[in-house]
Amino acid sequence: MSLFSCRPRLVAKAVIKPSTSLFRCAFTRAPFQWHDPLNMQEVLTDEERLQLRILDAYRSENYDRKILEEMGELGLLGPTIDGYGCAGVSSVAAGLITREVEKVDSGYRSVMPLEKLARGKLISCFGLTEPNHGSDPGSLETTAVPHPTKKDAYILNGAKTWITNSPIADILLVWAKLDGVIRGFVIQRDQCAPGTLETPAIKDKNGLRASITGMIQTDGCVVPAANMLPNVTGLKGPFSCLNSARYGIAWGTIGALEDRLDRARTYTLEPKQFNKPLAQFQLIRKKLADASTDAAFGLQAALQVGRLKDKGLAAPEMISMIKRQNCDRALSGARTLQEVFGGNAATDEYHIGRH
């Protein structure tokens, strides 16, 4: 006996007299918003929506230290920190800030929880990567040794590279080995003797051109013992910082992808080929649909991990997963959406290659 022949009367009744509420539900249609395909606005708190509106006034293509100061006045630097002039918002709200900033240009600024840093009056940098050790930080060669004559002071020697903000940083967090153990040292530029600290910029980059990147070269740089991070030994310290950076990157890459999608969609509505807009061609639509889908799902993943992070339930593996996935999809989307512009993608006028 088949499933549909078991109780014919009930089946017939269901067909003849369908539920009115179910009928209405089945045919209810909400408008689709291409810029918010999964209706993210419905799951954001008022505080999180506010960040989107505030940052609209601070979008700029050019790096300007004054912009950091203006953002600092709003508490947008170090946003999850309570006090020191910071906003003390949720991890999700901080992620939304990063997302909006990267819509302008792909770069994320991390600062230390000091009031002048939070206000953008001072700039900091994080020095871990070395010329010979990128993915192998445990083998770093920068050393710290006790000062031979000054009590409670250390001498740092070594080099770091590809350090964001190092050429202009007032405060430099440098990781070095002290008696074979990795420790963090805070270097204050204005307290360094001439010639002991150099931070040359890395020029002629193909990408991240609005982000200031450079090296940190210490040669007999004296650092007070009080500037060594307490209770932080081994790779746990730098990895905890990197974990927070990866979380920000997971949000930021989606912001960059959304910007590219917005520009590509706008572009396809204007030029015509064969007497119709590019957007009417199925191949172009697929490129836009793929990018929109990746951005929407990447945003949902970042939101989920952000909620868990605020509850103390986000495992490092989760953050690594969304960072890896969102970066991969954003890069793939960037390459694909550039094809929409044809030869125009080679110019900076359309901004599609800037991220």
Protein backbone atom coordinates (compact mmCIF):
# COMPACT_ATOMS: atom_id res chain seq x y z
CA MET A 1 0.00 0.00 0.00
CA SER A 2 1.42 3.38 -0.97
CA LEU A 3 1.77 6.30 1.37
CA PHE A 4 -0.93 8.29 -0.41
CA SER A 5 -3.43 5.43 -0.37
CA CYS A 6 -3.24 4.88 3.39
CA ARG A 7 -5.77 7.52 4.36
CA PRO A 8 -7.43 8.80 1.21
CA ARG A 9 -10.10 10.78 3.07
CA LEU A 10 -7.57 12.83 4.99
CA VAL A 11 -5.54 13.46 1.87
CA ALA A 12 -8.59 14.50 -0.07
CA LYS A 13 -9.72 16.78 2.71
CA ALA A 14 -6.31 18.43 2.85
CA VAL A 15 -6.38 19.06 -0.88
CA ILE A 16 -9.92 20.39 -0.96
CA LYS A 17 -9.69 22.58 2.17
CA PRO A 18 -6.15 23.89 2.57
CA SER A 19 -5.29 25.92 5.63
CA THR A 20 -5.87 29.60 4.95
CA SER A 21 -2.88 30.62 7.08
CA LEU A 22 -0.60 28.18 5.29
CA PHE A 23 -1.89 29.41 1.94
CA ARG A 24 -1.10 33.00 2.86
CA CYS A 25 2.34 32.05 4.18
CA ALA A 26 3.24 30.17 1.04
CA PHE A 27 2.52 33.18 -1.14
CA THR A 28 3.93 35.92 1.11
CA ARG A 29 6.80 37.61 -0.72
CA ALA A 30 9.20 40.09 0.83
CA PRO A 31 11.14 42.42 -1.48
CA PHE A 32 14.68 41.28 -2.31
CA GLN A 33 17.41 43.82 -1.63
CA TRP A 34 20.51 43.14 -3.74
CA HIS A 35 22.79 45.07 -1.36
CA ASP A 36 21.53 43.06 1.65
CA PRO A 37 20.46 39.71 0.16
CA LEU A 38 19.94 37.90 3.48
CA ASN A 39 18.42 40.93 5.25
CA MET A 40 21.26 41.37 7.74
CA GLN A 41 19.67 44.55 9.05
CA GLU A 42 16.99 42.46 10.76
CA VAL A 43 19.51 40.68 12.99
CA LEU A 44 21.62 43.70 13.96
CA THR A 45 21.10 45.61 17.18
CA ASP A 46 20.57 49.37 17.23
CA GLU A 47 24.17 49.81 18.40
CA GLU A 48 25.50 47.78 15.48
CA ARG A 49 23.41 49.68 12.93
CA LEU A 50 24.77 52.93 14.34
CA GLN A 51 28.32 51.99 13.36
CA LEU A 52 27.29 51.76 9.72
CA ARG A 53 25.85 55.27 9.73
CA ILE A 54 28.78 56.81 11.61
CA LEU A 55 31.43 55.42 9.29
CA ASP A 56 29.76 56.76 6.17
CA ALA A 57 31.30 60.16 6.98
CA TYR A 58 34.82 58.76 7.23
CA ARG A 59 35.24 56.85 3.99
CA SER A 60 38.30 58.01 2.11
CA GLU A 61 40.62 56.58 -0.50
CA ASN A 62 43.71 58.25 0.92
CA TYR A 63 45.46 57.48 4.18
CA ASP A 64 45.39 60.50 6.44
CA ARG A 65 46.47 60.48 10.07
CA LYS A 66 43.80 63.05 10.77
CA ILE A 67 41.17 60.47 9.82
CA LEU A 68 42.44 58.21 12.62
CA GLU A 69 42.13 61.10 15.05
CA GLU A 70 38.58 61.78 13.95
CA MET A 71 37.68 58.11 14.29
CA GLY A 72 39.37 58.06 17.69
CA GLU A 73 37.19 60.94 18.84
CA LEU A 74 34.19 58.75 18.06
CA GLY A 75 35.64 55.81 19.98
CA LEU A 76 36.02 53.69 16.85
CA LEU A 77 39.65 52.71 17.54
CA GLY A 78 40.01 49.71 19.84
CA PRO A 79 36.18 49.63 19.83
CA THR A 80 35.70 46.54 22.03
CA ILE A 81 37.77 48.00 24.89
CA ASP A 82 35.97 49.53 27.86
CA GLY A 83 37.51 52.81 28.99
CA TYR A 84 40.50 54.76 27.64
CA GLY A 85 38.12 56.67 25.37
CA CYS A 86 37.09 53.51 23.50
CA ALA A 87 33.51 52.67 22.59
CA GLY A 88 33.29 49.36 24.45
CA VAL A 89 31.02 47.82 21.83
CA SER A 90 30.44 44.18 20.93
CA SER A 91 32.69 42.05 18.73
CA VAL A 92 29.98 42.16 16.07
CA ALA A 93 29.91 45.96 16.10
CA ALA A 94 33.71 46.01 15.86
CA GLY A 95 33.49 43.66 12.90
CA LEU A 96 31.01 45.96 11.19
CA ILE A 97 33.43 48.85 11.64
CA THR A 98 36.17 46.83 9.95
CA ARG A 99 33.80 45.84 7.17
CA GLU A 100 32.94 49.46 6.41
CA VAL A 101 36.57 50.64 6.57
CA GLU A 102 37.64 47.98 4.08
CA LYS A 103 34.96 49.11 1.66
CA VAL A 104 37.15 52.18 1.32
CA ASP A 105 40.51 50.43 1.17
CA SER A 106 41.86 47.05 2.28
CA GLY A 107 43.76 47.76 5.50
CA TYR A 108 43.03 47.33 9.18
CA ARG A 109 44.55 49.29 11.99
CA SER A 110 45.19 47.62 15.37
CA VAL A 111 46.00 49.80 18.36
CA MET A 112 46.89 49.27 22.00
CA PRO A 113 44.52 50.14 24.89
CA LEU A 114 46.03 53.49 25.83
CA GLU A 115 44.01 56.68 25.76
CA LYS A 116 46.18 58.55 23.25
CA LEU A 117 46.24 55.52 20.97
CA ALA A 118 42.49 55.14 21.25
CA ARG A 119 42.11 58.81 20.35
CA GLY A 120 44.33 58.46 17.30
CA LYS A 121 46.90 60.85 18.78
CA LEU A 122 49.49 58.06 18.82
CA ILE A 123 49.89 55.20 16.35
CA SER A 124 51.08 51.70 17.17
CA CYS A 125 52.32 48.67 15.27
CA PHE A 126 52.77 44.94 15.88
CA GLY A 127 56.19 43.49 15.06
CA LEU A 128 56.37 39.70 14.75
CA THR A 129 57.22 38.75 11.14
CA GLU A 130 60.91 38.68 10.27
CA PRO A 131 62.78 38.57 6.94
CA ASN A 132 63.62 34.89 7.46
CA HIS A 133 60.61 33.83 9.51
CA GLY A 134 57.04 34.51 8.43
CA SER A 135 54.90 31.44 9.06
CA ASP A 136 57.47 30.15 11.58
CA PRO A 137 57.42 32.79 14.32
CA GLY A 138 58.80 30.34 16.86
CA SER A 139 62.17 30.62 15.10
CA LEU A 140 62.37 34.41 15.27
CA GLU A 141 65.90 35.78 15.59
CA THR A 142 65.31 39.12 17.34
CA THR A 143 66.87 38.98 20.80
CA ALA A 144 66.56 40.78 24.10
CA VAL A 145 69.36 40.71 26.66
CA PRO A 146 69.69 42.42 30.06
CA HIS A 147 71.47 45.76 29.84
CA PRO A 148 75.04 45.38 31.16
CA THR A 149 75.03 48.62 33.15
CA LYS A 150 71.43 49.79 33.47
CA LYS A 151 69.30 47.97 36.00
CA ASP A 152 65.78 47.05 34.88
CA ALA A 153 66.47 47.52 31.16
CA TYR A 154 66.93 45.31 28.11
CA ILE A 155 68.73 45.69 24.79
CA LEU A 156 66.91 44.62 21.61
CA ASN A 157 68.64 43.56 18.40
CA GLY A 158 66.97 42.25 15.25
CA ALA A 159 64.74 43.04 12.29
CA LYS A 160 61.04 42.77 11.47
CA THR A 161 59.44 43.20 8.06
CA TRP A 162 56.03 43.76 6.46
CA ILE A 163 54.87 45.60 9.56
CA THR A 164 51.78 47.77 9.09
CA ASN A 165 52.25 51.35 10.37
CA SER A 166 55.89 50.85 11.41
CA PRO A 167 57.24 53.93 9.53
CA ILE A 168 54.91 56.25 11.43
CA ALA A 169 54.31 54.30 14.66
CA ASP A 170 54.91 56.05 17.96
CA ILE A 171 54.53 52.80 19.91
CA LEU A 172 56.00 49.53 18.60
CA LEU A 173 55.18 46.14 20.09
CA VAL A 174 58.15 43.94 19.21
CA TRP A 175 58.45 40.23 19.96
CA ALA A 176 61.93 38.98 20.84
CA LYS A 177 63.58 36.03 22.57
CA LEU A 178 64.82 36.55 26.11
CA ASP A 179 66.85 33.55 27.29
CA GLY A 180 65.24 31.56 24.48
CA VAL A 181 61.67 32.49 25.51
CA ILE A 182 59.50 34.76 23.34
CA ARG A 183 58.49 37.95 25.15
CA GLY A 184 56.75 41.15 24.06
CA PHE A 185 58.45 44.54 24.43
CA VAL A 186 56.84 47.96 24.01
CA ILE A 187 59.22 50.37 22.29
CA GLN A 188 58.46 54.09 22.57
CA ARG A 189 60.04 55.81 19.59
CA ASP A 190 60.67 59.11 21.35
CA GLN A 191 62.71 57.33 24.04
CA CYS A 192 65.10 55.56 21.64
CA ALA A 193 68.65 56.81 21.17
CA PRO A 194 69.56 57.91 17.63
CA GLY A 195 70.52 54.99 15.40
CA THR A 196 69.06 52.29 17.65
CA LEU A 197 65.65 52.18 15.96
CA GLU A 198 64.99 52.48 12.23
CA THR A 199 61.66 51.90 10.46
CA PRO A 200 62.14 52.25 6.69
CA ALA A 201 59.02 52.08 4.53
CA ILE A 202 58.50 49.35 1.93
CA LYS A 203 57.88 51.17 -1.34
CA ASP A 204 56.40 50.29 -4.74
CA LYS A 205 53.84 47.74 -3.52
CA ASN A 206 51.37 46.33 -6.02
CA GLY A 207 48.59 46.18 -3.42
CA LEU A 208 47.54 47.86 -0.16
CA ARG A 209 49.02 51.07 -1.47
CA ALA A 210 47.06 53.22 0.98
CA SER A 211 48.37 51.19 3.91
CA ILE A 212 51.76 52.22 5.28
CA THR A 213 54.05 49.19 5.56
CA GLY A 214 57.68 48.94 6.57
CA MET A 215 60.40 47.30 8.63
CA ILE A 216 61.54 47.55 12.24
CA GLN A 217 65.31 47.47 12.71
CA THR A 218 66.64 47.48 16.27
CA ASP A 219 70.37 47.85 16.89
CA GLY A 220 71.15 48.15 20.58
CA CYS A 221 67.69 49.59 21.29
CA VAL A 222 67.26 50.06 25.04
CA VAL A 223 63.84 49.20 26.47
CA PRO A 224 62.85 49.61 30.15
CA ALA A 225 61.99 46.37 31.93
CA ALA A 226 58.63 47.91 32.77
CA ASN A 227 57.86 47.87 29.03
CA MET A 228 58.05 44.08 28.83
CA LEU A 229 54.55 42.57 28.73
CA PRO A 230 53.90 40.83 32.06
CA ASN A 231 52.66 37.24 32.31
CA VAL A 232 52.94 36.72 28.53
CA THR A 233 55.47 34.11 27.43
CA GLY A 234 55.89 32.01 24.31
CA LEU A 235 53.68 32.19 21.24
CA LYS A 236 50.46 32.47 23.23
CA GLY A 237 50.85 36.25 23.38
CA PRO A 238 51.37 37.01 19.69
CA PHE A 239 48.89 34.34 18.64
CA SER A 240 46.15 35.90 20.76
CA CYS A 241 46.81 39.20 18.97
CA LEU A 242 46.84 37.48 15.58
CA ASN A 243 43.58 35.75 16.41
CA SER A 244 41.91 39.11 16.93
CA ALA A 245 43.45 40.38 13.68
CA ARG A 246 42.15 37.34 11.79
CA TYR A 247 38.67 38.04 13.13
CA GLY A 248 38.88 41.60 11.81
CA ILE A 249 40.17 40.38 8.45
CA ALA A 250 37.21 37.99 8.12
CA TRP A 251 34.89 41.01 8.32
CA GLY A 252 37.08 43.35 6.31
CA THR A 253 37.41 41.11 3.28
CA ILE A 254 33.63 40.92 3.02
CA GLY A 255 33.47 44.71 3.07
CA ALA A 256 36.00 44.83 0.23
CA LEU A 257 34.00 42.24 -1.75
CA GLU A 258 30.78 44.21 -1.21
CA ASP A 259 32.44 47.34 -2.55
CA ARG A 260 33.61 45.51 -5.66
CA LEU A 261 30.15 44.00 -6.13
CA ASP A 262 28.51 47.41 -5.82
CA ARG A 263 30.87 48.92 -8.39
CA ALA A 264 30.49 45.99 -10.78
CA ARG A 265 26.70 46.01 -10.57
CA THR A 266 26.58 49.76 -11.21
CA TYR A 267 28.96 49.40 -14.14
CA THR A 268 26.92 46.65 -15.83
CA LEU A 269 23.82 48.84 -15.87
CA GLU A 270 25.48 51.57 -17.94
CA PRO A 271 27.47 50.39 -20.99
CA LYS A 272 25.57 48.56 -23.70
CA GLN A 273 26.65 45.73 -25.96
CA PHE A 274 24.42 44.47 -28.77
CA ASN A 275 21.87 47.17 -27.85
CA LYS A 276 21.33 46.05 -24.25
CA PRO A 277 23.08 46.60 -20.88
CA LEU A 278 25.75 44.15 -19.81
CA ALA A 279 23.57 43.20 -16.84
CA GLN A 280 21.11 41.50 -19.17
CA PHE A 281 23.65 38.89 -20.25
CA GLN A 282 23.42 35.64 -18.31
CA LEU A 283 27.19 35.24 -18.00
CA ILE A 284 27.48 38.66 -16.35
CA ARG A 285 24.57 37.90 -14.05
CA LYS A 286 26.26 34.71 -12.87
CA LYS A 287 29.38 36.62 -11.89
CA LEU A 288 27.30 39.09 -9.88
CA ALA A 289 25.18 36.33 -8.33
CA ASP A 290 28.23 34.33 -7.24
CA ALA A 291 29.84 37.37 -5.62
CA SER A 292 26.59 38.37 -3.92
CA THR A 293 26.12 34.86 -2.54
CA ASP A 294 29.70 34.69 -1.24
CA ALA A 295 29.38 38.10 0.44
CA ALA A 296 26.05 37.24 2.06
CA PHE A 297 27.14 33.88 3.44
CA GLY A 298 30.53 35.24 4.51
CA LEU A 299 28.78 37.99 6.43
CA GLN A 300 26.50 35.50 8.17
CA ALA A 301 29.50 33.36 9.16
CA ALA A 302 31.34 36.37 10.58
CA LEU A 303 28.21 37.43 12.44
CA GLN A 304 27.80 33.97 13.99
CA VAL A 305 31.40 33.83 15.17
CA GLY A 306 31.12 37.39 16.47
CA ARG A 307 28.10 36.46 18.57
CA LEU A 308 30.01 33.46 19.95
CA LYS A 309 33.07 35.62 20.59
CA ASP A 310 31.02 37.99 22.73
CA LYS A 311 29.87 34.97 24.76
CA GLY A 312 33.38 33.61 25.12
CA LEU A 313 32.50 30.58 22.98
CA ALA A 314 34.52 31.28 19.82
CA ALA A 315 37.29 28.73 19.30
CA PRO A 316 40.43 29.87 17.44
CA GLU A 317 39.64 27.29 14.76
CA MET A 318 36.34 29.08 14.05
CA ILE A 319 38.11 32.38 13.50
CA SER A 320 40.73 30.76 11.29
CA MET A 321 37.95 29.10 9.29
CA ILE A 322 35.99 32.28 8.53
CA LYS A 323 39.18 34.21 7.84
CA ARG A 324 40.36 31.59 5.35
CA GLN A 325 36.98 31.19 3.67
CA ASN A 326 36.12 34.88 3.43
CA CYS A 327 39.57 35.79 2.11
CA ASP A 328 39.34 33.04 -0.50
CA ARG A 329 35.88 34.10 -1.66
CA ALA A 330 36.76 37.80 -1.66
CA LEU A 331 39.87 37.18 -3.75
CA SER A 332 37.97 34.94 -6.16
CA GLY A 333 35.20 37.52 -6.43
CA ALA A 334 37.71 40.31 -7.08
CA ARG A 335 39.26 38.42 -9.97
CA THR A 336 35.91 37.48 -11.46
CA LEU A 337 34.31 40.92 -11.14
CA GLN A 338 37.30 42.57 -12.81
CA GLU A 339 36.33 40.64 -15.94
CA VAL A 340 33.04 42.55 -16.02
CA PHE A 341 34.95 45.79 -16.66
CA GLY A 342 36.97 44.41 -19.55
CA GLY A 343 39.94 46.64 -20.35
CA ASN A 344 38.66 49.34 -18.01
CA ALA A 345 39.69 47.16 -15.06
CA ALA A 346 43.31 48.03 -15.84
CA THR A 347 42.80 51.67 -14.85
CA ASP A 348 42.39 53.06 -11.35
CA GLU A 349 39.44 55.18 -12.47
CA TYR A 350 36.98 52.38 -11.72
CA HIS A 351 38.61 51.30 -8.41
CA ILE A 352 37.88 47.62 -9.09
CA GLY A 353 41.52 46.57 -8.71
CA ARG A 354 42.35 48.76 -5.73
CA HIS A 355 41.48 46.24 -3.04
